[in-house]
């Protein structure tokens, strides 16, 4: 019976090492994915929106103030 408990102890030791390795790999994967998302976000901010390129934006709406509705914003 003692050999069974020693075997079970070895299995638990192996499983903790396996979970430790798996957690380490998952941390690296999440770190690389989040770094890629952050670099893409910086690229969008600097390259696509930088140097006052937002002034060149043209609204697809023909109205002067497309989000202003006088029925909603009138007083009283």
N, C-alpha and C. Protein backbone atom coordinates (compact mmCIF):
# COMPACT_ATOMS: atom_id res chain seq x y z
N UNK A 1 0.82 -1.19 0.00
CA UNK A 1 0.00 0.00 0.00
C UNK A 1 0.86 1.26 0.00
N UNK A 2 2.03 1.16 0.62
CA UNK A 2 2.92 2.32 0.64
C UNK A 2 3.38 2.67 -0.76
N UNK A 3 3.63 1.67 -1.57
CA UNK A 3 4.08 1.95 -2.94
C UNK A 3 3.01 2.69 -3.74
N UNK A 4 1.75 2.40 -3.45
CA UNK A 4 0.66 3.11 -4.12
C UNK A 4 0.70 4.59 -3.78
N UNK A 5 0.88 4.91 -2.48
CA UNK A 5 0.91 6.31 -2.07
C UNK A 5 2.15 7.02 -2.61
N UNK A 6 3.25 6.32 -2.71
CA UNK A 6 4.45 6.91 -3.30
C UNK A 6 4.22 7.18 -4.80
N UNK A 7 3.56 6.26 -5.46
CA UNK A 7 3.24 6.46 -6.87
C UNK A 7 2.30 7.66 -7.04
N UNK A 8 1.28 7.73 -6.16
CA UNK A 8 0.34 8.85 -6.22
C UNK A 8 1.04 10.18 -5.95
N UNK A 9 2.00 10.16 -5.03
CA UNK A 9 2.79 11.36 -4.76
C UNK A 9 3.59 11.78 -5.98
N UNK A 10 4.18 10.82 -6.68
CA UNK A 10 4.93 11.12 -7.90
C UNK A 10 4.01 11.70 -8.98
N UNK A 11 2.80 11.16 -9.06
CA UNK A 11 1.84 11.68 -10.05
C UNK A 11 1.49 13.12 -9.73
N UNK A 12 1.25 13.42 -8.46
CA UNK A 12 0.93 14.79 -8.08
C UNK A 12 2.10 15.73 -8.35
N UNK A 13 3.31 15.30 -8.05
CA UNK A 13 4.49 16.12 -8.34
C UNK A 13 4.59 16.40 -9.83
N UNK A 14 4.37 15.37 -10.65
CA UNK A 14 4.43 15.55 -12.09
C UNK A 14 3.33 16.50 -12.58
N UNK A 15 2.12 16.36 -12.01
CA UNK A 15 1.01 17.21 -12.46
C UNK A 15 1.26 18.68 -12.09
N UNK A 16 1.85 18.93 -10.92
CA UNK A 16 2.16 20.31 -10.57
C UNK A 16 3.21 20.89 -11.51
N UNK A 17 4.20 20.10 -11.86
CA UNK A 17 5.18 20.56 -12.83
C UNK A 17 4.55 20.81 -14.20
N UNK A 18 3.63 19.94 -14.59
CA UNK A 18 2.93 20.12 -15.87
C UNK A 18 2.11 21.39 -15.86
N UNK A 19 1.37 21.65 -14.77
CA UNK A 19 0.57 22.86 -14.69
C UNK A 19 1.45 24.10 -14.66
N UNK A 20 2.59 24.01 -14.00
CA UNK A 20 3.52 25.14 -13.96
C UNK A 20 4.04 25.44 -15.36
N UNK A 21 4.42 24.42 -16.09
CA UNK A 21 4.90 24.61 -17.46
C UNK A 21 3.78 25.16 -18.36
N UNK A 22 2.58 24.61 -18.23
CA UNK A 22 1.46 25.07 -19.04
C UNK A 22 1.14 26.54 -18.74
N UNK A 23 1.16 26.92 -17.48
CA UNK A 23 0.90 28.31 -17.12
C UNK A 23 1.98 29.23 -17.68
N UNK A 24 3.22 28.78 -17.66
CA UNK A 24 4.31 29.58 -18.20
C UNK A 24 4.13 29.79 -19.70
N UNK A 25 3.77 28.73 -20.42
CA UNK A 25 3.55 28.83 -21.86
C UNK A 25 2.37 29.76 -22.15
N UNK A 26 1.29 29.60 -21.40
CA UNK A 26 0.12 30.47 -21.60
C UNK A 26 0.45 31.93 -21.33
N UNK A 27 1.25 32.19 -20.30
CA UNK A 27 1.66 33.57 -20.03
C UNK A 27 2.44 34.17 -21.18
N UNK A 28 3.34 33.40 -21.78
CA UNK A 28 4.10 33.91 -22.92
C UNK A 28 3.20 34.15 -24.12
N UNK A 29 2.25 33.24 -24.36
CA UNK A 29 1.33 33.43 -25.48
C UNK A 29 0.50 34.70 -25.28
N UNK A 30 -0.05 34.86 -24.08
CA UNK A 30 -0.85 36.06 -23.80
C UNK A 30 0.00 37.33 -23.88
N UNK A 31 1.24 37.26 -23.43
CA UNK A 31 2.13 38.42 -23.51
C UNK A 31 2.39 38.79 -24.97
N UNK A 32 2.65 37.80 -25.82
CA UNK A 32 2.93 38.09 -27.23
C UNK A 32 1.69 38.64 -27.94
N UNK A 33 0.53 38.08 -27.64
CA UNK A 33 -0.71 38.57 -28.26
C UNK A 33 -1.01 39.99 -27.82
N UNK A 34 -0.88 40.27 -26.53
CA UNK A 34 -1.16 41.62 -26.05
C UNK A 34 -0.13 42.62 -26.57
N UNK A 35 1.12 42.19 -26.73
CA UNK A 35 2.14 43.08 -27.30
C UNK A 35 1.81 43.39 -28.76
N UNK A 36 1.35 42.40 -29.51
CA UNK A 36 0.98 42.63 -30.90
C UNK A 36 -0.21 43.59 -31.00
N UNK A 37 -1.19 43.43 -30.14
CA UNK A 37 -2.34 44.33 -30.14
C UNK A 37 -1.91 45.75 -29.78
N UNK A 38 -1.02 45.89 -28.81
CA UNK A 38 -0.53 47.21 -28.41
C UNK A 38 0.25 47.87 -29.54
N UNK A 39 1.10 47.11 -30.23
CA UNK A 39 1.88 47.68 -31.34
C UNK A 39 0.95 48.09 -32.48
N UNK A 40 -0.07 47.29 -32.76
CA UNK A 40 -1.04 47.66 -33.79
C UNK A 40 -1.79 48.93 -33.40
N UNK A 41 -2.16 49.04 -32.12
CA UNK A 41 -2.86 50.23 -31.64
C UNK A 41 -1.98 51.46 -31.80
N UNK A 42 -0.70 51.35 -31.45
CA UNK A 42 0.24 52.47 -31.64
C UNK A 42 0.37 52.82 -33.11
N UNK A 43 0.42 51.81 -33.98
CA UNK A 43 0.50 52.04 -35.42
C UNK A 43 -0.73 52.82 -35.91
N UNK A 44 -1.90 52.43 -35.45
CA UNK A 44 -3.12 53.13 -35.85
C UNK A 44 -3.09 54.59 -35.39
N UNK A 45 -2.64 54.83 -34.15
CA UNK A 45 -2.62 56.18 -33.63
C UNK A 45 -1.60 57.05 -34.34
N UNK A 46 -0.42 56.51 -34.60
CA UNK A 46 0.65 57.34 -35.14
C UNK A 46 0.55 57.47 -36.66
N UNK A 47 0.38 56.36 -37.36
CA UNK A 47 0.44 56.40 -38.82
C UNK A 47 -0.88 56.87 -39.43
N UNK A 48 -1.98 56.31 -38.99
CA UNK A 48 -3.25 56.63 -39.63
C UNK A 48 -3.88 57.91 -39.10
N UNK A 49 -3.69 58.22 -37.82
CA UNK A 49 -4.33 59.40 -37.24
C UNK A 49 -3.36 60.53 -36.95
N UNK A 50 -2.07 60.29 -37.10
CA UNK A 50 -1.09 61.31 -36.78
C UNK A 50 -1.01 62.39 -37.84
N UNK A 51 -0.29 63.46 -37.52
CA UNK A 51 -0.01 64.57 -38.43
C UNK A 51 -1.29 65.25 -38.92
N UNK A 52 -2.27 65.40 -38.04
CA UNK A 52 -3.52 66.10 -38.32
C UNK A 52 -4.28 65.54 -39.51
N UNK A 53 -4.22 64.23 -39.70
CA UNK A 53 -4.96 63.62 -40.80
C UNK A 53 -6.45 63.59 -40.52
N UNK A 54 -6.85 63.83 -39.26
CA UNK A 54 -8.27 63.85 -38.96
C UNK A 54 -8.94 65.07 -39.58
N UNK A 55 -8.18 66.09 -39.96
CA UNK A 55 -8.78 67.26 -40.62
C UNK A 55 -9.23 66.93 -42.03
N UNK A 56 -8.67 65.91 -42.61
CA UNK A 56 -9.05 65.51 -43.97
C UNK A 56 -10.32 64.66 -43.99
N UNK A 57 -10.86 64.33 -42.82
CA UNK A 57 -12.04 63.47 -42.74
C UNK A 57 -13.26 64.20 -43.31
N UNK A 58 -14.00 63.51 -44.15
CA UNK A 58 -15.23 64.05 -44.72
C UNK A 58 -16.37 63.17 -44.27
N UNK A 59 -17.39 63.78 -43.69
CA UNK A 59 -18.53 63.02 -43.20
C UNK A 59 -19.34 62.49 -44.38
N UNK A 60 -19.81 61.25 -44.28
CA UNK A 60 -20.63 60.72 -45.38
C UNK A 60 -22.02 61.35 -45.44
N UNK A 61 -22.42 62.06 -44.38
CA UNK A 61 -23.73 62.70 -44.35
C UNK A 61 -23.68 64.03 -45.09
N UNK A 62 -24.78 64.40 -45.72
CA UNK A 62 -24.85 65.67 -46.45
C UNK A 62 -25.19 66.84 -45.54
N UNK A 63 -25.67 66.55 -44.33
CA UNK A 63 -26.06 67.62 -43.42
C UNK A 63 -24.83 68.28 -42.81
N UNK A 64 -25.01 69.52 -42.37
CA UNK A 64 -23.91 70.23 -41.72
C UNK A 64 -23.62 69.62 -40.36
N UNK A 65 -24.69 69.39 -39.58
CA UNK A 65 -24.55 68.76 -38.26
C UNK A 65 -25.35 67.47 -38.27
N UNK A 66 -24.75 66.36 -38.68
CA UNK A 66 -25.54 65.13 -38.87
C UNK A 66 -26.08 64.55 -37.56
N UNK A 67 -25.48 64.88 -36.43
CA UNK A 67 -25.94 64.28 -35.18
C UNK A 67 -26.84 65.23 -34.38
N UNK A 68 -27.17 66.38 -34.94
CA UNK A 68 -28.00 67.34 -34.23
C UNK A 68 -29.44 67.19 -34.69
N UNK A 69 -30.33 66.90 -33.77
CA UNK A 69 -31.76 66.79 -34.09
C UNK A 69 -32.50 67.88 -33.32
N UNK A 70 -33.03 68.88 -34.00
CA UNK A 70 -33.70 70.00 -33.31
C UNK A 70 -34.86 69.54 -32.44
N UNK A 71 -35.53 68.45 -32.81
CA UNK A 71 -36.66 67.99 -31.99
C UNK A 71 -36.20 67.51 -30.62
N UNK A 72 -35.00 66.96 -30.55
CA UNK A 72 -34.49 66.46 -29.28
C UNK A 72 -33.86 67.58 -28.46
N UNK A 73 -33.17 68.51 -29.13
CA UNK A 73 -32.38 69.51 -28.43
C UNK A 73 -33.09 70.84 -28.19
N UNK A 74 -34.35 70.99 -28.56
CA UNK A 74 -35.01 72.27 -28.34
C UNK A 74 -35.35 72.43 -26.86
N UNK A 75 -35.36 73.69 -26.43
CA UNK A 75 -35.60 73.99 -25.02
C UNK A 75 -37.08 73.92 -24.70
N UNK A 76 -37.40 73.53 -23.45
CA UNK A 76 -38.75 73.58 -22.90
C UNK A 76 -39.63 72.59 -23.50
